[in-house]
């Protein structure tokens, strides 16, 4: 199902594997937000920003239809940090 043009109802992060970073830190990098119109371009920008942060090794984004809206789930595998 095509979710383009639908309003984003939720944005969630699912940390896969060991959790090397706080979920809220990753959420602060993602610009797509509840109430925004979903576009693949905006999600691509979010993915690029997450990779450029150096905190993640892998990302998969799921767009789940929720009636006339969409929920975004960022499945993120984090990278070990040196803190």
PDB file of N, CA and C in Angstrom:
ATOM      1  N   UNK A   1       0.838  -1.179   0.000  1.00  0.00           N
ATOM      2  CA  UNK A   1       0.000   0.000   0.000  1.00  0.00           C
ATOM      3  C   UNK A   1       0.886   1.247   0.000  1.00  0.00           C
ATOM      4  N   UNK A   2       0.534   2.232  -0.812  1.00  0.00           N
ATOM      5  CA  UNK A   2       1.296   3.464  -0.937  1.00  0.00           C
ATOM      6  C   UNK A   2       0.902   4.443   0.161  1.00  0.00           C
ATOM      7  N   UNK A   3       1.871   4.880   0.930  1.00  0.00           N
ATOM      8  CA  UNK A   3       1.604   5.784   2.055  1.00  0.00           C
ATOM      9  C   UNK A   3       1.932   7.236   1.730  1.00  0.00           C
ATOM     10  N   UNK A   4       2.444   7.496   0.528  1.00  0.00           N
ATOM     11  CA  UNK A   4       2.814   8.864   0.163  1.00  0.00           C
ATOM     12  C   UNK A   4       1.625   9.801   0.292  1.00  0.00           C
ATOM     13  N   UNK A   5       1.884  10.963   0.848  1.00  0.00           N
ATOM     14  CA  UNK A   5       0.852  11.976   0.978  1.00  0.00           C
ATOM     15  C   UNK A   5      -0.015  11.847   2.216  1.00  0.00           C
ATOM     16  N   UNK A   6       0.124  10.758   2.952  1.00  0.00           N
ATOM     17  CA  UNK A   6      -0.665  10.582   4.178  1.00  0.00           C
ATOM     18  C   UNK A   6      -0.013  11.351   5.327  1.00  0.00           C
ATOM     19  N   UNK A   7      -0.816  11.691   6.302  1.00  0.00           N
ATOM     20  CA  UNK A   7      -0.312  12.390   7.484  1.00  0.00           C
ATOM     21  C   UNK A   7       0.343  11.374   8.417  1.00  0.00           C
ATOM     22  N   UNK A   8       1.502  11.737   8.945  1.00  0.00           N
ATOM     23  CA  UNK A   8       2.213  10.863   9.879  1.00  0.00           C
ATOM     24  C   UNK A   8       1.517  10.927  11.235  1.00  0.00           C
ATOM     25  N   UNK A   9       1.068   9.752  11.701  1.00  0.00           N
ATOM     26  CA  UNK A   9       0.398   9.675  12.998  1.00  0.00           C
ATOM     27  C   UNK A   9       1.388   9.423  14.135  1.00  0.00           C
ATOM     28  N   UNK A  10       2.380   8.567  13.873  1.00  0.00           N
ATOM     29  CA  UNK A  10       3.378   8.233  14.894  1.00  0.00           C
ATOM     30  C   UNK A  10       4.752   8.073  14.251  1.00  0.00           C
ATOM     31  N   UNK A  11       5.781   8.368  15.032  1.00  0.00           N
ATOM     32  CA  UNK A  11       7.164   8.110  14.638  1.00  0.00           C
ATOM     33  C   UNK A  11       7.798   7.368  15.806  1.00  0.00           C
ATOM     34  N   UNK A  12       8.260   6.144  15.542  1.00  0.00           N
ATOM     35  CA  UNK A  12       8.830   5.323  16.608  1.00  0.00           C
ATOM     36  C   UNK A  12      10.199   4.803  16.189  1.00  0.00           C
ATOM     37  N   UNK A  13      11.008   4.498  17.186  1.00  0.00           N
ATOM     38  CA  UNK A  13      12.305   3.878  16.944  1.00  0.00           C
ATOM     39  C   UNK A  13      12.310   2.521  17.619  1.00  0.00           C
ATOM     40  N   UNK A  14      12.719   1.513  16.862  1.00  0.00           N
ATOM     41  CA  UNK A  14      12.865   0.162  17.388  1.00  0.00           C
ATOM     42  C   UNK A  14      14.355  -0.157  17.337  1.00  0.00           C
ATOM     43  N   UNK A  15      14.996  -0.200  18.497  1.00  0.00           N
ATOM     44  CA  UNK A  15      16.421  -0.504  18.552  1.00  0.00           C
ATOM     45  C   UNK A  15      16.614  -2.011  18.442  1.00  0.00           C
ATOM     46  N   UNK A  16      17.392  -2.422  17.444  1.00  0.00           N
ATOM     47  CA  UNK A  16      17.632  -3.832  17.167  1.00  0.00           C
ATOM     48  C   UNK A  16      18.995  -4.213  17.744  1.00  0.00           C
ATOM     49  N   UNK A  17      19.050  -5.351  18.430  1.00  0.00           N
ATOM     50  CA  UNK A  17      20.318  -5.797  19.004  1.00  0.00           C
ATOM     51  C   UNK A  17      20.660  -5.013  20.257  1.00  0.00           C
ATOM     52  N   UNK A  18      21.968  -4.928  20.542  1.00  0.00           N
ATOM     53  CA  UNK A  18      22.410  -4.200  21.736  1.00  0.00           C
ATOM     54  C   UNK A  18      22.131  -2.716  21.572  1.00  0.00           C
ATOM     55  N   UNK A  19      21.738  -2.096  22.665  1.00  0.00           N
ATOM     56  CA  UNK A  19      21.379  -0.683  22.633  1.00  0.00           C
ATOM     57  C   UNK A  19      22.550   0.146  23.131  1.00  0.00           C
ATOM     58  N   UNK A  20      23.289   0.710  22.179  1.00  0.00           N
ATOM     59  CA  UNK A  20      24.487   1.471  22.516  1.00  0.00           C
ATOM     60  C   UNK A  20      24.222   2.961  22.676  1.00  0.00           C
ATOM     61  N   UNK A  21      23.000   3.394  22.372  1.00  0.00           N
ATOM     62  CA  UNK A  21      22.672   4.817  22.464  1.00  0.00           C
ATOM     63  C   UNK A  21      21.223   4.981  22.890  1.00  0.00           C
ATOM     64  N   UNK A  22      20.933   6.079  23.533  1.00  0.00           N
ATOM     65  CA  UNK A  22      19.584   6.370  23.997  1.00  0.00           C
ATOM     66  C   UNK A  22      18.656   6.659  22.812  1.00  0.00           C
ATOM     67  N   UNK A  23      17.490   6.070  22.855  1.00  0.00           N
ATOM     68  CA  UNK A  23      16.491   6.237  21.797  1.00  0.00           C
ATOM     69  C   UNK A  23      16.138   7.710  21.578  1.00  0.00           C
ATOM     70  N   UNK A  24      16.067   8.486  22.636  1.00  0.00           N
ATOM     71  CA  UNK A  24      15.713   9.905  22.507  1.00  0.00           C
ATOM     72  C   UNK A  24      16.761  10.691  21.728  1.00  0.00           C
ATOM     73  N   UNK A  25      18.019  10.293  21.843  1.00  0.00           N
ATOM     74  CA  UNK A  25      19.077  10.958  21.077  1.00  0.00           C
ATOM     75  C   UNK A  25      18.855  10.719  19.583  1.00  0.00           C
ATOM     76  N   UNK A  26      18.467   9.491  19.224  1.00  0.00           N
ATOM     77  CA  UNK A  26      18.186   9.184  17.820  1.00  0.00           C
ATOM     78  C   UNK A  26      16.940   9.923  17.345  1.00  0.00           C
ATOM     79  N   UNK A  27      15.908   9.971  18.191  1.00  0.00           N
ATOM     80  CA  UNK A  27      14.677  10.680  17.819  1.00  0.00           C
ATOM     81  C   UNK A  27      14.951  12.151  17.533  1.00  0.00           C
ATOM     82  N   UNK A  28      15.896  12.739  18.244  1.00  0.00           N
ATOM     83  CA  UNK A  28      16.196  14.155  18.038  1.00  0.00           C
ATOM     84  C   UNK A  28      16.825  14.418  16.666  1.00  0.00           C
ATOM     85  N   UNK A  29      17.348  13.387  16.031  1.00  0.00           N
ATOM     86  CA  UNK A  29      17.964  13.517  14.707  1.00  0.00           C
ATOM     87  C   UNK A  29      16.912  13.431  13.602  1.00  0.00           C
ATOM     88  N   UNK A  30      15.844  12.693  13.857  1.00  0.00           N
ATOM     89  CA  UNK A  30      14.788  12.477  12.859  1.00  0.00           C
ATOM     90  C   UNK A  30      13.914  13.721  12.765  1.00  0.00           C
ATOM     91  N   UNK A  31      13.751  14.240  11.552  1.00  0.00           N
ATOM     92  CA  UNK A  31      12.951  15.446  11.353  1.00  0.00           C
ATOM     93  C   UNK A  31      11.493  15.134  11.044  1.00  0.00           C
ATOM     94  N   UNK A  32      11.208  13.960  10.484  1.00  0.00           N
ATOM     95  CA  UNK A  32       9.811  13.583  10.230  1.00  0.00           C
ATOM     96  C   UNK A  32       9.092  13.545  11.566  1.00  0.00           C
ATOM     97  N   UNK A  33       7.905  14.148  11.626  1.00  0.00           N
ATOM     98  CA  UNK A  33       7.213  14.264  12.908  1.00  0.00           C
ATOM     99  C   UNK A  33       5.721  14.042  12.744  1.00  0.00           C
ATOM    100  N   UNK A  34       5.080  13.723  13.849  1.00  0.00           N
ATOM    101  CA  UNK A  34       3.631  13.579  13.882  1.00  0.00           C
ATOM    102  C   UNK A  34       2.999  14.841  13.302  1.00  0.00           C
ATOM    103  N   UNK A  35       2.049  14.633  12.390  1.00  0.00           N
ATOM    104  CA  UNK A  35       1.352  15.753  11.761  1.00  0.00           C
ATOM    105  C   UNK A  35       1.929  16.165  10.422  1.00  0.00           C
ATOM    106  N   UNK A  36       3.180  15.753  10.132  1.00  0.00           N
ATOM    107  CA  UNK A  36       3.786  16.041   8.830  1.00  0.00           C
ATOM    108  C   UNK A  36       3.155  15.161   7.760  1.00  0.00           C
ATOM    109  N   UNK A  37       3.291  15.567   6.511  1.00  0.00           N
ATOM    110  CA  UNK A  37       2.883  14.729   5.391  1.00  0.00           C
ATOM    111  C   UNK A  37       4.039  13.799   5.057  1.00  0.00           C
ATOM    112  N   UNK A  38       3.740  12.503   4.940  1.00  0.00           N
ATOM    113  CA  UNK A  38       4.769  11.505   4.645  1.00  0.00           C
ATOM    114  C   UNK A  38       5.249  11.649   3.210  1.00  0.00           C
ATOM    115  N   UNK A  39       6.574  11.721   3.049  1.00  0.00           N
ATOM    116  CA  UNK A  39       7.187  11.643   1.724  1.00  0.00           C
ATOM    117  C   UNK A  39       8.428  10.765   1.832  1.00  0.00           C
ATOM    118  N   UNK A  40       8.708  10.036   0.764  1.00  0.00           N
ATOM    119  CA  UNK A  40       9.902   9.196   0.738  1.00  0.00           C
ATOM    120  C   UNK A  40      11.153  10.070   0.841  1.00  0.00           C
ATOM    121  N   UNK A  41      11.111  11.252   0.248  1.00  0.00           N
ATOM    122  CA  UNK A  41      12.262  12.160   0.290  1.00  0.00           C
ATOM    123  C   UNK A  41      12.601  12.560   1.730  1.00  0.00           C
ATOM    124  N   UNK A  42      11.589  12.901   2.514  1.00  0.00           N
ATOM    125  CA  UNK A  42      11.819  13.290   3.913  1.00  0.00           C
ATOM    126  C   UNK A  42      12.421  12.130   4.706  1.00  0.00           C
ATOM    127  N   UNK A  43      11.936  10.920   4.463  1.00  0.00           N
ATOM    128  CA  UNK A  43      12.475   9.746   5.167  1.00  0.00           C
ATOM    129  C   UNK A  43      13.914   9.485   4.730  1.00  0.00           C
ATOM    130  N   UNK A  44      14.209   9.686   3.440  1.00  0.00           N
ATOM    131  CA  UNK A  44      15.595   9.541   2.970  1.00  0.00           C
ATOM    132  C   UNK A  44      16.525  10.512   3.694  1.00  0.00           C
ATOM    133  N   UNK A  45      16.056  11.740   3.907  1.00  0.00           N
ATOM    134  CA  UNK A  45      16.852  12.732   4.635  1.00  0.00           C
ATOM    135  C   UNK A  45      17.088  12.264   6.073  1.00  0.00           C
ATOM    136  N   UNK A  46      16.041  11.709   6.699  1.00  0.00           N
ATOM    137  CA  UNK A  46      16.177  11.177   8.064  1.00  0.00           C
ATOM    138  C   UNK A  46      17.199  10.045   8.114  1.00  0.00           C
ATOM    139  N   UNK A  47      17.121   9.144   7.165  1.00  0.00           N
ATOM    140  CA  UNK A  47      18.052   8.009   7.117  1.00  0.00           C
ATOM    141  C   UNK A  47      19.483   8.514   6.963  1.00  0.00           C
ATOM    142  N   UNK A  48      19.679   9.450   6.052  1.00  0.00           N
ATOM    143  CA  UNK A  48      21.011  10.017   5.827  1.00  0.00           C
ATOM    144  C   UNK A  48      21.541  10.680   7.105  1.00  0.00           C
ATOM    145  N   UNK A  49      20.683  11.437   7.780  1.00  0.00           N
ATOM    146  CA  UNK A  49      21.097  12.122   9.013  1.00  0.00           C
ATOM    147  C   UNK A  49      21.475  11.121  10.105  1.00  0.00           C
ATOM    148  N   UNK A  50      20.713  10.036  10.210  1.00  0.00           N
ATOM    149  CA  UNK A  50      21.030   9.013  11.209  1.00  0.00           C
ATOM    150  C   UNK A  50      22.384   8.367  10.920  1.00  0.00           C
ATOM    151  N   UNK A  51      22.636   8.026   9.646  1.00  0.00           N
ATOM    152  CA  UNK A  51      23.932   7.444   9.300  1.00  0.00           C
ATOM    153  C   UNK A  51      25.063   8.435   9.549  1.00  0.00           C
ATOM    154  N   UNK A  52      24.845   9.704   9.183  1.00  0.00           N
ATOM    155  CA  UNK A  52      25.883  10.720   9.359  1.00  0.00           C
ATOM    156  C   UNK A  52      26.178  11.001  10.832  1.00  0.00           C
ATOM    157  N   UNK A  53      25.245  10.673  11.713  1.00  0.00           N
ATOM    158  CA  UNK A  53      25.468  10.885  13.145  1.00  0.00           C
ATOM    159  C   UNK A  53      26.573   9.981  13.679  1.00  0.00           C
ATOM    160  N   UNK A  54      26.811   8.869  12.981  1.00  0.00           N
ATOM    161  CA  UNK A  54      27.820   7.919  13.433  1.00  0.00           C
ATOM    162  C   UNK A  54      27.323   6.949  14.492  1.00  0.00           C
ATOM    163  N   UNK A  55      26.051   7.066  14.863  1.00  0.00           N
ATOM    164  CA  UNK A  55      25.490   6.220  15.916  1.00  0.00           C
ATOM    165  C   UNK A  55      24.919   4.897  15.411  1.00  0.00           C
ATOM    166  N   UNK A  56      24.694   4.786  14.095  1.00  0.00           N
ATOM    167  CA  UNK A  56      23.984   3.607  13.596  1.00  0.00           C
ATOM    168  C   UNK A  56      24.792   2.846  12.552  1.00  0.00           C
ATOM    169  N   UNK A  57      24.564   1.534  12.526  1.00  0.00           N
ATOM    170  CA  UNK A  57      25.165   0.665  11.522  1.00  0.00           C
ATOM    171  C   UNK A  57      24.173   0.296  10.430  1.00  0.00           C
ATOM    172  N   UNK A  58      22.894   0.221  10.789  1.00  0.00           N
ATOM    173  CA  UNK A  58      21.881  -0.206   9.819  1.00  0.00           C
ATOM    174  C   UNK A  58      20.537   0.419  10.182  1.00  0.00           C
ATOM    175  N   UNK A  59      19.746   0.727   9.161  1.00  0.00           N
ATOM    176  CA  UNK A  59      18.422   1.319   9.357  1.00  0.00           C
ATOM    177  C   UNK A  59      17.454   0.703   8.360  1.00  0.00           C
ATOM    178  N   UNK A  60      16.273   0.415   8.853  1.00  0.00           N
ATOM    179  CA  UNK A  60      15.161  -0.018   8.004  1.00  0.00           C
ATOM    180  C   UNK A  60      13.949   0.783   8.460  1.00  0.00           C
ATOM    181  N   UNK A  61      13.215   1.373   7.519  1.00  0.00           N
ATOM    182  CA  UNK A  61      12.046   2.170   7.877  1.00  0.00           C
ATOM    183  C   UNK A  61      10.794   1.477   7.362  1.00  0.00           C
ATOM    184  N   UNK A  62       9.839   1.304   8.263  1.00  0.00           N
ATOM    185  CA  UNK A  62       8.549   0.724   7.908  1.00  0.00           C
ATOM    186  C   UNK A  62       7.500   1.821   7.963  1.00  0.00           C
ATOM    187  N   UNK A  63       6.675   1.900   6.928  1.00  0.00           N
ATOM    188  CA  UNK A  63       5.549   2.837   6.906  1.00  0.00           C
ATOM    189  C   UNK A  63       4.287   1.996   7.033  1.00  0.00           C
ATOM    190  N   UNK A  64       3.675   2.031   8.212  1.00  0.00           N
ATOM    191  CA  UNK A  64       2.496   1.208   8.480  1.00  0.00           C
ATOM    192  C   UNK A  64       1.228   2.032   8.285  1.00  0.00           C
ATOM    193  N   UNK A  65       0.374   1.612   7.331  1.00  0.00           N
ATOM    194  CA  UNK A  65      -0.884   2.326   7.119  1.00  0.00           C
ATOM    195  C   UNK A  65      -1.763   2.254   8.364  1.00  0.00           C
ATOM    196  N   UNK A  66      -2.368   3.387   8.712  1.00  0.00           N
ATOM    197  CA  UNK A  66      -3.298   3.467   9.848  1.00  0.00           C
ATOM    198  C   UNK A  66      -4.507   4.264   9.368  1.00  0.00           C
ATOM    199  N   UNK A  67      -5.342   3.606   8.563  1.00  0.00           N
ATOM    200  CA  UNK A  67      -6.480   4.302   7.969  1.00  0.00           C
ATOM    201  C   UNK A  67      -5.980   5.320   6.961  1.00  0.00           C
ATOM    202  N   UNK A  68      -6.353   6.580   7.156  1.00  0.00           N
ATOM    203  CA  UNK A  68      -5.902   7.629   6.238  1.00  0.00           C
ATOM    204  C   UNK A  68      -4.590   8.267   6.700  1.00  0.00           C
ATOM    205  N   UNK A  69      -3.942   7.654   7.683  1.00  0.00           N
ATOM    206  CA  UNK A  69      -2.665   8.145   8.205  1.00  0.00           C
ATOM    207  C   UNK A  69      -1.618   7.041   8.084  1.00  0.00           C
ATOM    208  N   UNK A  70      -0.417   7.342   8.539  1.00  0.00           N
ATOM    209  CA  UNK A  70       0.667   6.370   8.469  1.00  0.00           C
ATOM    210  C   UNK A  70       1.514   6.472   9.739  1.00  0.00           C
ATOM    211  N   UNK A  71       2.005   5.322  10.186  1.00  0.00           N
ATOM    212  CA  UNK A  71       2.936   5.286  11.311  1.00  0.00           C
ATOM    213  C   UNK A  71       4.311   4.902  10.794  1.00  0.00           C
ATOM    214  N   UNK A  72       5.328   5.626  11.203  1.00  0.00           N
ATOM    215  CA  UNK A  72       6.696   5.317  10.790  1.00  0.00           C
ATOM    216  C   UNK A  72       7.433   4.618  11.919  1.00  0.00           C
ATOM    217  N   UNK A  73       8.107   3.537  11.571  1.00  0.00           N
ATOM    218  CA  UNK A  73       8.951   2.824  12.528  1.00  0.00           C
ATOM    219  C   UNK A  73      10.359   2.756  11.935  1.00  0.00           C
ATOM    220  N   UNK A  74      11.305   3.341  12.642  1.00  0.00           N
ATOM    221  CA  UNK A  74      12.705   3.285  12.246  1.00  0.00           C
ATOM    222  C   UNK A  74      13.344   2.139  13.018  1.00  0.00           C
ATOM    223  N   UNK A  75      13.656   1.036  12.329  1.00  0.00           N
ATOM    224  CA  UNK A  75      14.358  -0.086  12.956  1.00  0.00           C
ATOM    225  C   UNK A  75      15.848   0.201  12.829  1.00  0.00           C
ATOM    226  N   UNK A  76      16.503   0.405  13.960  1.00  0.00           N
ATOM    227  CA  UNK A  76      17.880   0.893  13.964  1.00  0.00           C
ATOM    228  C   UNK A  76      18.794  -0.076  14.706  1.00  0.00           C
ATOM    229  N   UNK A  77      19.902  -0.429  14.061  1.00  0.00           N
ATOM    230  CA  UNK A  77      20.973  -1.171  14.717  1.00  0.00           C
ATOM    231  C   UNK A  77      22.048  -0.149  15.053  1.00  0.00           C
ATOM    232  N   UNK A  78      22.325   0.001  16.347  1.00  0.00           N
ATOM    233  CA  UNK A  78      23.279   1.030  16.765  1.00  0.00           C
ATOM    234  C   UNK A  78      24.708   0.517  16.763  1.00  0.00           C
ATOM    235  N   UNK A  79      25.611   1.462  16.725  1.00  0.00           N
ATOM    236  CA  UNK A  79      27.041   1.186  16.710  1.00  0.00           C
ATOM    237  C   UNK A  79      27.596   1.424  18.115  1.00  0.00           C
ATOM    238  N   UNK A  80      28.536   0.605  18.566  1.00  0.00           N
ATOM    239  CA  UNK A  80      29.137   0.845  19.882  1.00  0.00           C
ATOM    240  C   UNK A  80      29.776   2.235  19.939  1.00  0.00           C
ATOM    241  N   UNK A  81      29.612   2.916  21.068  1.00  0.00           N
ATOM    242  CA  UNK A  81      30.189   4.252  21.221  1.00  0.00           C
ATOM    243  C   UNK A  81      31.369   4.210  22.175  1.00  0.00           C
ATOM    244  N   UNK A  82      32.196   5.216  22.108  1.00  0.00           N
ATOM    245  CA  UNK A  82      33.376   5.311  22.970  1.00  0.00           C
ATOM    246  C   UNK A  82      33.156   6.419  23.990  1.00  0.00           C
ATOM    247  N   UNK A  83      32.181   6.250  24.881  1.00  0.00           N
ATOM    248  CA  UNK A  83      31.889   7.284  25.884  1.00  0.00           C
ATOM    249  C   UNK A  83      32.432   6.884  27.223  1.00  0.00           C
TER     250      UNK A  83
END
